[in-house]
Amino acid sequence: MAAVDETLKQFKQIDILVNGAAGNFLCPASALSFNAFKTVMDIDTLGTFNTSKILFEKYFRDHGGVVINITATLSYRGQALQVHAGSAKAAIDAMTRHLAVEWGPNNIRVNSLAPGPITGTEGFRRLGGKFAKDSNQFDTIPLQRAGNKTEIAHSALYLASPLSSYVTGTTLVVDGGSWLTSANSFSALLDVWAAGANKNQ
């Protein structure tokens, strides 16, 4: 609330909200603590709702705006070692649709953006991106590579701009087709987990 108040004080308006909070690490569900699951849900799902609701109340309700929720494709097939993050991001995709319906009459567009493996990011480092690259796992992606930060930025700009003025309640998947074809290799992911890809979590 204080951040929104300060932003409005300085700039007098807020046109776009990007909800990008994420807590993620590789972990088998059987080894995941109750608190770890709850923490990821709190960071991702509750954080997205809380920020959206505060901005709705303080500005968007009367002026309109754009909400972009950064999600993931983890829940589309059920991803090994990702029950916490997949559940949180699936909830955000549902929230996107609900808020788009409720807030559309206030001229508020709400969409999700679901990136695939993106080089040069903390997620790439923590979730075994180098392992996947070194073992040629990106060859299974239809576009044969990981994405980059500029491609995600361009996708977010599309959702934020008038180019998508009639788009709301949808999830834009920007993953080179990865979720359609990439192997869900439980044993390979366990190797990454065992090798300590998340020892800094």
C-alpha atoms as a PDB file:
ATOM      1  CA  MET A   1       0.000   0.000   0.000  1.00  0.00           C
ATOM      2  CA  ALA A   2       2.844   2.364   0.862  1.00  0.00           C
ATOM      3  CA  ALA A   3       4.568   1.678  -2.475  1.00  0.00           C
ATOM      4  CA  VAL A   4       1.381   2.441  -4.413  1.00  0.00           C
ATOM      5  CA  ASP A   5       0.787   5.599  -2.386  1.00  0.00           C
ATOM      6  CA  GLU A   6       4.347   6.800  -3.000  1.00  0.00           C
ATOM      7  CA  THR A   7       4.153   6.016  -6.719  1.00  0.00           C
ATOM      8  CA  LEU A   8       0.887   7.926  -7.089  1.00  0.00           C
ATOM      9  CA  LYS A   9       2.330  10.804  -5.092  1.00  0.00           C
ATOM     10  CA  GLN A  10       5.310  11.072  -7.448  1.00  0.00           C
ATOM     11  CA  PHE A  11       3.747  10.223 -10.816  1.00  0.00           C
ATOM     12  CA  LYS A  12       0.025  10.961 -10.249  1.00  0.00           C
ATOM     13  CA  GLN A  13      -1.000   7.820 -12.137  1.00  0.00           C
ATOM     14  CA  ILE A  14      -0.269   4.122 -12.611  1.00  0.00           C
ATOM     15  CA  ASP A  15      -1.201   2.609 -15.951  1.00  0.00           C
ATOM     16  CA  ILE A  16       0.361  -0.864 -15.771  1.00  0.00           C
ATOM     17  CA  LEU A  17       0.912  -3.420 -13.032  1.00  0.00           C
ATOM     18  CA  VAL A  18       3.275  -6.341 -13.656  1.00  0.00           C
ATOM     19  CA  ASN A  19       2.983  -9.037 -10.996  1.00  0.00           C
ATOM     20  CA  GLY A  20       6.202 -11.011 -11.227  1.00  0.00           C
ATOM     21  CA  ALA A  21       6.797 -12.360  -7.740  1.00  0.00           C
ATOM     22  CA  ALA A  22       7.907 -15.986  -7.725  1.00  0.00           C
ATOM     23  CA  GLY A  23       9.258 -18.479  -5.247  1.00  0.00           C
ATOM     24  CA  ASN A  24      10.576 -21.600  -6.934  1.00  0.00           C
ATOM     25  CA  PHE A  25      13.053 -24.435  -6.555  1.00  0.00           C
ATOM     26  CA  LEU A  26      13.192 -28.069  -7.580  1.00  0.00           C
ATOM     27  CA  CYS A  27      11.844 -30.446  -4.942  1.00  0.00           C
ATOM     28  CA  PRO A  28       9.927 -33.740  -4.965  1.00  0.00           C
ATOM     29  CA  ALA A  29       6.487 -33.387  -3.383  1.00  0.00           C
ATOM     30  CA  SER A  30       7.426 -36.093  -0.878  1.00  0.00           C
ATOM     31  CA  ALA A  31      10.346 -33.970   0.351  1.00  0.00           C
ATOM     32  CA  LEU A  32       8.495 -30.646   0.302  1.00  0.00           C
ATOM     33  CA  SER A  33       7.609 -29.278   3.724  1.00  0.00           C
ATOM     34  CA  PHE A  34       4.148 -27.902   4.452  1.00  0.00           C
ATOM     35  CA  ASN A  35       5.710 -24.528   5.107  1.00  0.00           C
ATOM     36  CA  ALA A  36       7.632 -24.539   1.819  1.00  0.00           C
ATOM     37  CA  PHE A  37       4.431 -25.175  -0.142  1.00  0.00           C
ATOM     38  CA  LYS A  38       2.587 -22.457   1.784  1.00  0.00           C
ATOM     39  CA  THR A  39       5.415 -19.975   1.321  1.00  0.00           C
ATOM     40  CA  VAL A  40       5.375 -20.336  -2.466  1.00  0.00           C
ATOM     41  CA  MET A  41       1.583 -19.960  -2.502  1.00  0.00           C
ATOM     42  CA  ASP A  42       1.912 -16.846  -0.323  1.00  0.00           C
ATOM     43  CA  ILE A  43       4.585 -15.244  -2.498  1.00  0.00           C
ATOM     44  CA  ASP A  44       3.088 -16.057  -5.893  1.00  0.00           C
ATOM     45  CA  THR A  45      -0.678 -16.267  -5.501  1.00  0.00           C
ATOM     46  CA  LEU A  46      -1.435 -14.098  -2.483  1.00  0.00           C
ATOM     47  CA  GLY A  47       1.170 -11.562  -3.587  1.00  0.00           C
ATOM     48  CA  THR A  48      -0.482 -11.266  -7.000  1.00  0.00           C
ATOM     49  CA  PHE A  49      -3.959 -10.864  -5.506  1.00  0.00           C
ATOM     50  CA  ASN A  50      -2.902  -8.415  -2.809  1.00  0.00           C
ATOM     51  CA  THR A  51      -1.054  -6.125  -5.198  1.00  0.00           C
ATOM     52  CA  SER A  52      -3.829  -6.245  -7.790  1.00  0.00           C
ATOM     53  CA  LYS A  53      -6.538  -5.486  -5.235  1.00  0.00           C
ATOM     54  CA  ILE A  54      -4.624  -2.581  -3.690  1.00  0.00           C
ATOM     55  CA  LEU A  55      -4.035  -0.996  -7.078  1.00  0.00           C
ATOM     56  CA  PHE A  56      -7.659  -1.576  -8.064  1.00  0.00           C
ATOM     57  CA  GLU A  57      -8.863   0.212  -4.940  1.00  0.00           C
ATOM     58  CA  LYS A  58      -6.369   3.075  -5.115  1.00  0.00           C
ATOM     59  CA  TYR A  59      -6.394   3.834  -8.848  1.00  0.00           C
ATOM     60  CA  PHE A  60      -7.550   1.317 -11.453  1.00  0.00           C
ATOM     61  CA  ARG A  61     -11.223   1.223 -10.398  1.00  0.00           C
ATOM     62  CA  ASP A  62     -11.698   4.841 -11.466  1.00  0.00           C
ATOM     63  CA  HIS A  63      -9.078   5.177 -14.209  1.00  0.00           C
ATOM     64  CA  GLY A  64      -8.686   1.762 -15.849  1.00  0.00           C
ATOM     65  CA  GLY A  65      -5.380   0.024 -16.350  1.00  0.00           C
ATOM     66  CA  VAL A  66      -3.518  -3.098 -17.367  1.00  0.00           C
ATOM     67  CA  VAL A  67      -2.486  -6.024 -15.163  1.00  0.00           C
ATOM     68  CA  ILE A  68       0.090  -8.534 -16.415  1.00  0.00           C
ATOM     69  CA  ASN A  69       0.620 -11.615 -14.253  1.00  0.00           C
ATOM     70  CA  ILE A  70       3.824 -13.562 -14.885  1.00  0.00           C
ATOM     71  CA  THR A  71       2.932 -17.252 -14.613  1.00  0.00           C
ATOM     72  CA  ALA A  72       4.316 -20.521 -15.994  1.00  0.00           C
ATOM     73  CA  THR A  73       3.310 -23.564 -18.016  1.00  0.00           C
ATOM     74  CA  LEU A  74       4.142 -25.995 -15.182  1.00  0.00           C
ATOM     75  CA  SER A  75       0.553 -27.000 -14.508  1.00  0.00           C
ATOM     76  CA  TYR A  76      -0.411 -27.723 -18.119  1.00  0.00           C
ATOM     77  CA  ARG A  77       0.918 -31.286 -17.996  1.00  0.00           C
ATOM     78  CA  GLY A  78       2.035 -31.677 -14.408  1.00  0.00           C
ATOM     79  CA  GLN A  79       5.755 -30.991 -14.059  1.00  0.00           C
ATOM     80  CA  ALA A  80       8.001 -33.178 -11.908  1.00  0.00           C
ATOM     81  CA  LEU A  81       9.457 -31.493  -8.802  1.00  0.00           C
ATOM     82  CA  GLN A  82       7.237 -28.440  -9.242  1.00  0.00           C
ATOM     83  CA  VAL A  83       3.956 -29.087  -7.385  1.00  0.00           C
ATOM     84  CA  HIS A  84       4.388 -25.908  -5.312  1.00  0.00           C
ATOM     85  CA  ALA A  85       5.156 -23.503  -8.161  1.00  0.00           C
ATOM     86  CA  GLY A  86       2.793 -25.192 -10.614  1.00  0.00           C
ATOM     87  CA  SER A  87      -0.099 -24.972  -8.159  1.00  0.00           C
ATOM     88  CA  ALA A  88       0.631 -21.314  -7.400  1.00  0.00           C
ATOM     89  CA  LYS A  89       0.890 -20.316 -11.045  1.00  0.00           C
ATOM     90  CA  ALA A  90      -2.250 -22.279 -12.003  1.00  0.00           C
ATOM     91  CA  ALA A  91      -4.096 -20.320  -9.338  1.00  0.00           C
ATOM     92  CA  ILE A  92      -2.786 -17.075 -10.829  1.00  0.00           C
ATOM     93  CA  ASP A  93      -4.005 -18.070 -14.299  1.00  0.00           C
ATOM     94  CA  ALA A  94      -7.460 -18.698 -12.808  1.00  0.00           C
ATOM     95  CA  MET A  95      -7.272 -15.369 -10.972  1.00  0.00           C
ATOM     96  CA  THR A  96      -6.415 -13.677 -14.271  1.00  0.00           C
ATOM     97  CA  ARG A  97      -9.654 -14.931 -15.817  1.00  0.00           C
ATOM     98  CA  HIS A  98     -11.805 -14.050 -12.797  1.00  0.00           C
ATOM     99  CA  LEU A  99     -10.409 -10.523 -12.501  1.00  0.00           C
ATOM    100  CA  ALA A 100     -10.682  -9.941 -16.256  1.00  0.00           C
ATOM    101  CA  VAL A 101     -14.401 -10.710 -16.023  1.00  0.00           C
ATOM    102  CA  GLU A 102     -15.037  -8.646 -12.898  1.00  0.00           C
ATOM    103  CA  TRP A 103     -12.846  -5.673 -13.729  1.00  0.00           C
ATOM    104  CA  GLY A 104     -13.463  -5.415 -17.477  1.00  0.00           C
ATOM    105  CA  PRO A 105     -16.336  -2.938 -16.976  1.00  0.00           C
ATOM    106  CA  ASN A 106     -13.831  -0.654 -15.218  1.00  0.00           C
ATOM    107  CA  ASN A 107     -11.675  -0.655 -18.377  1.00  0.00           C
ATOM    108  CA  ILE A 108      -9.089  -2.909 -16.752  1.00  0.00           C
ATOM    109  CA  ARG A 109      -7.452  -5.615 -18.833  1.00  0.00           C
ATOM    110  CA  VAL A 110      -5.925  -8.588 -16.969  1.00  0.00           C
ATOM    111  CA  ASN A 111      -3.705 -11.131 -18.730  1.00  0.00           C
ATOM    112  CA  SER A 112      -1.046 -13.685 -17.878  1.00  0.00           C
ATOM    113  CA  LEU A 113       2.342 -14.151 -19.519  1.00  0.00           C
ATOM    114  CA  ALA A 114       3.893 -17.626 -19.261  1.00  0.00           C
ATOM    115  CA  PRO A 115       7.594 -17.734 -20.232  1.00  0.00           C
ATOM    116  CA  GLY A 116       9.490 -20.888 -21.056  1.00  0.00           C
ATOM    117  CA  PRO A 117      13.181 -21.412 -20.216  1.00  0.00           C
ATOM    118  CA  ILE A 118      14.795 -17.967 -20.446  1.00  0.00           C
ATOM    119  CA  THR A 119      18.581 -17.590 -20.407  1.00  0.00           C
ATOM    120  CA  GLY A 120      20.303 -15.140 -18.117  1.00  0.00           C
ATOM    121  CA  THR A 121      17.668 -15.331 -15.394  1.00  0.00           C
ATOM    122  CA  GLU A 122      17.682 -16.522 -11.806  1.00  0.00           C
ATOM    123  CA  GLY A 123      15.056 -19.120 -12.688  1.00  0.00           C
ATOM    124  CA  PHE A 124      17.260 -20.520 -15.460  1.00  0.00           C
ATOM    125  CA  ARG A 125      20.137 -20.835 -12.991  1.00  0.00           C
ATOM    126  CA  ARG A 126      18.135 -22.331 -10.142  1.00  0.00           C
ATOM    127  CA  LEU A 127      15.947 -24.707 -12.149  1.00  0.00           C
ATOM    128  CA  GLY A 128      18.643 -26.552 -14.060  1.00  0.00           C
ATOM    129  CA  GLY A 129      18.848 -24.460 -17.233  1.00  0.00           C
ATOM    130  CA  LYS A 130      22.583 -25.053 -17.676  1.00  0.00           C
ATOM    131  CA  PHE A 131      22.051 -28.782 -17.154  1.00  0.00           C
ATOM    132  CA  ALA A 132      19.331 -28.766 -19.834  1.00  0.00           C
ATOM    133  CA  LYS A 133      21.529 -26.798 -22.229  1.00  0.00           C
ATOM    134  CA  ASP A 134      24.584 -29.022 -21.695  1.00  0.00           C
ATOM    135  CA  SER A 135      22.529 -32.180 -22.233  1.00  0.00           C
ATOM    136  CA  ASN A 136      20.895 -30.823 -25.404  1.00  0.00           C
ATOM    137  CA  GLN A 137      17.415 -30.927 -23.877  1.00  0.00           C
ATOM    138  CA  PHE A 138      16.511 -27.696 -25.686  1.00  0.00           C
ATOM    139  CA  ASP A 139      16.628 -29.688 -28.920  1.00  0.00           C
ATOM    140  CA  THR A 140      13.164 -31.011 -27.992  1.00  0.00           C
ATOM    141  CA  ILE A 141      11.715 -27.470 -28.117  1.00  0.00           C
ATOM    142  CA  PRO A 142      10.162 -26.767 -31.524  1.00  0.00           C
ATOM    143  CA  LEU A 143      12.243 -23.573 -31.892  1.00  0.00           C
ATOM    144  CA  GLN A 144      15.341 -25.565 -30.785  1.00  0.00           C
ATOM    145  CA  ARG A 145      16.546 -23.118 -28.119  1.00  0.00           C
ATOM    146  CA  ALA A 146      15.834 -21.326 -24.888  1.00  0.00           C
ATOM    147  CA  GLY A 147      14.355 -17.846 -25.018  1.00  0.00           C
ATOM    148  CA  ASN A 148      15.929 -14.596 -23.916  1.00  0.00           C
ATOM    149  CA  LYS A 149      14.873 -11.704 -21.693  1.00  0.00           C
ATOM    150  CA  THR A 150      14.251  -9.360 -24.621  1.00  0.00           C
ATOM    151  CA  GLU A 151      11.639 -11.742 -26.043  1.00  0.00           C
ATOM    152  CA  ILE A 152       9.781 -11.743 -22.722  1.00  0.00           C
ATOM    153  CA  ALA A 153      10.034  -7.949 -22.507  1.00  0.00           C
ATOM    154  CA  HIS A 154       8.536  -7.620 -26.002  1.00  0.00           C
ATOM    155  CA  SER A 155       5.688  -9.945 -25.045  1.00  0.00           C
ATOM    156  CA  ALA A 156       4.963  -7.917 -21.918  1.00  0.00           C
ATOM    157  CA  LEU A 157       5.029  -4.717 -23.982  1.00  0.00           C
ATOM    158  CA  TYR A 158       2.455  -6.239 -26.327  1.00  0.00           C
ATOM    159  CA  LEU A 159       0.118  -7.064 -23.434  1.00  0.00           C
ATOM    160  CA  ALA A 160       0.638  -3.598 -21.928  1.00  0.00           C
ATOM    161  CA  SER A 161       0.172  -1.651 -25.137  1.00  0.00           C
ATOM    162  CA  PRO A 162      -2.847  -0.635 -27.243  1.00  0.00           C
ATOM    163  CA  LEU A 163      -1.816  -3.402 -29.677  1.00  0.00           C
ATOM    164  CA  SER A 164      -3.665  -5.787 -27.321  1.00  0.00           C
ATOM    165  CA  SER A 165      -6.528  -3.408 -26.464  1.00  0.00           C
ATOM    166  CA  TYR A 166      -9.144  -6.147 -27.038  1.00  0.00           C
ATOM    167  CA  VAL A 167      -7.217  -8.913 -25.249  1.00  0.00           C
ATOM    168  CA  THR A 168      -8.143  -9.789 -21.680  1.00  0.00           C
ATOM    169  CA  GLY A 169      -8.448 -12.897 -19.527  1.00  0.00           C
ATOM    170  CA  THR A 170      -5.931 -14.894 -21.509  1.00  0.00           C
ATOM    171  CA  THR A 171      -2.485 -16.408 -20.999  1.00  0.00           C
ATOM    172  CA  LEU A 172       0.170 -15.625 -23.585  1.00  0.00           C
ATOM    173  CA  VAL A 173       2.616 -18.542 -23.647  1.00  0.00           C
ATOM    174  CA  VAL A 174       6.096 -17.478 -24.781  1.00  0.00           C
ATOM    175  CA  ASP A 175       8.142 -20.679 -24.674  1.00  0.00           C
ATOM    176  CA  GLY A 176       9.065 -21.598 -28.238  1.00  0.00           C
ATOM    177  CA  GLY A 177       6.541 -24.427 -28.044  1.00  0.00           C
ATOM    178  CA  SER A 178       8.415 -26.004 -25.131  1.00  0.00           C
ATOM    179  CA  TRP A 179       5.438 -27.191 -23.102  1.00  0.00           C
ATOM    180  CA  LEU A 180       4.074 -29.060 -26.122  1.00  0.00           C
ATOM    181  CA  THR A 181       7.114 -31.254 -26.691  1.00  0.00           C
ATOM    182  CA  SER A 182       9.699 -31.121 -23.909  1.00  0.00           C
ATOM    183  CA  ALA A 183      10.268 -34.306 -21.967  1.00  0.00           C
ATOM    184  CA  ASN A 184       9.119 -34.393 -18.361  1.00  0.00           C
ATOM    185  CA  SER A 185      12.127 -36.395 -17.251  1.00  0.00           C
ATOM    186  CA  PHE A 186      11.702 -37.166 -13.570  1.00  0.00           C
ATOM    187  CA  SER A 187      15.072 -38.921 -13.300  1.00  0.00           C
ATOM    188  CA  ALA A 188      16.960 -36.093 -15.041  1.00  0.00           C
ATOM    189  CA  LEU A 189      15.316 -33.495 -12.800  1.00  0.00           C
ATOM    190  CA  LEU A 190      16.140 -35.567  -9.735  1.00  0.00           C
ATOM    191  CA  ASP A 191      19.769 -35.554 -10.876  1.00  0.00           C
ATOM    192  CA  VAL A 192      19.691 -31.765 -11.060  1.00  0.00           C
ATOM    193  CA  TRP A 193      18.060 -31.589  -7.642  1.00  0.00           C
ATOM    194  CA  ALA A 194      20.574 -34.021  -6.136  1.00  0.00           C
ATOM    195  CA  ALA A 195      23.465 -32.082  -7.685  1.00  0.00           C
ATOM    196  CA  GLY A 196      22.380 -29.068  -5.671  1.00  0.00           C
ATOM    197  CA  ALA A 197      20.910 -26.803  -8.357  1.00  0.00           C
ATOM    198  CA  ASN A 198      18.977 -25.146  -5.537  1.00  0.00           C
ATOM    199  CA  LYS A 199      21.458 -25.200  -2.707  1.00  0.00           C
ATOM    200  CA  ASN A 200      21.011 -21.428  -2.467  1.00  0.00           C
ATOM    201  CA  GLN A 201      17.204 -21.561  -2.200  1.00  0.00           C
END
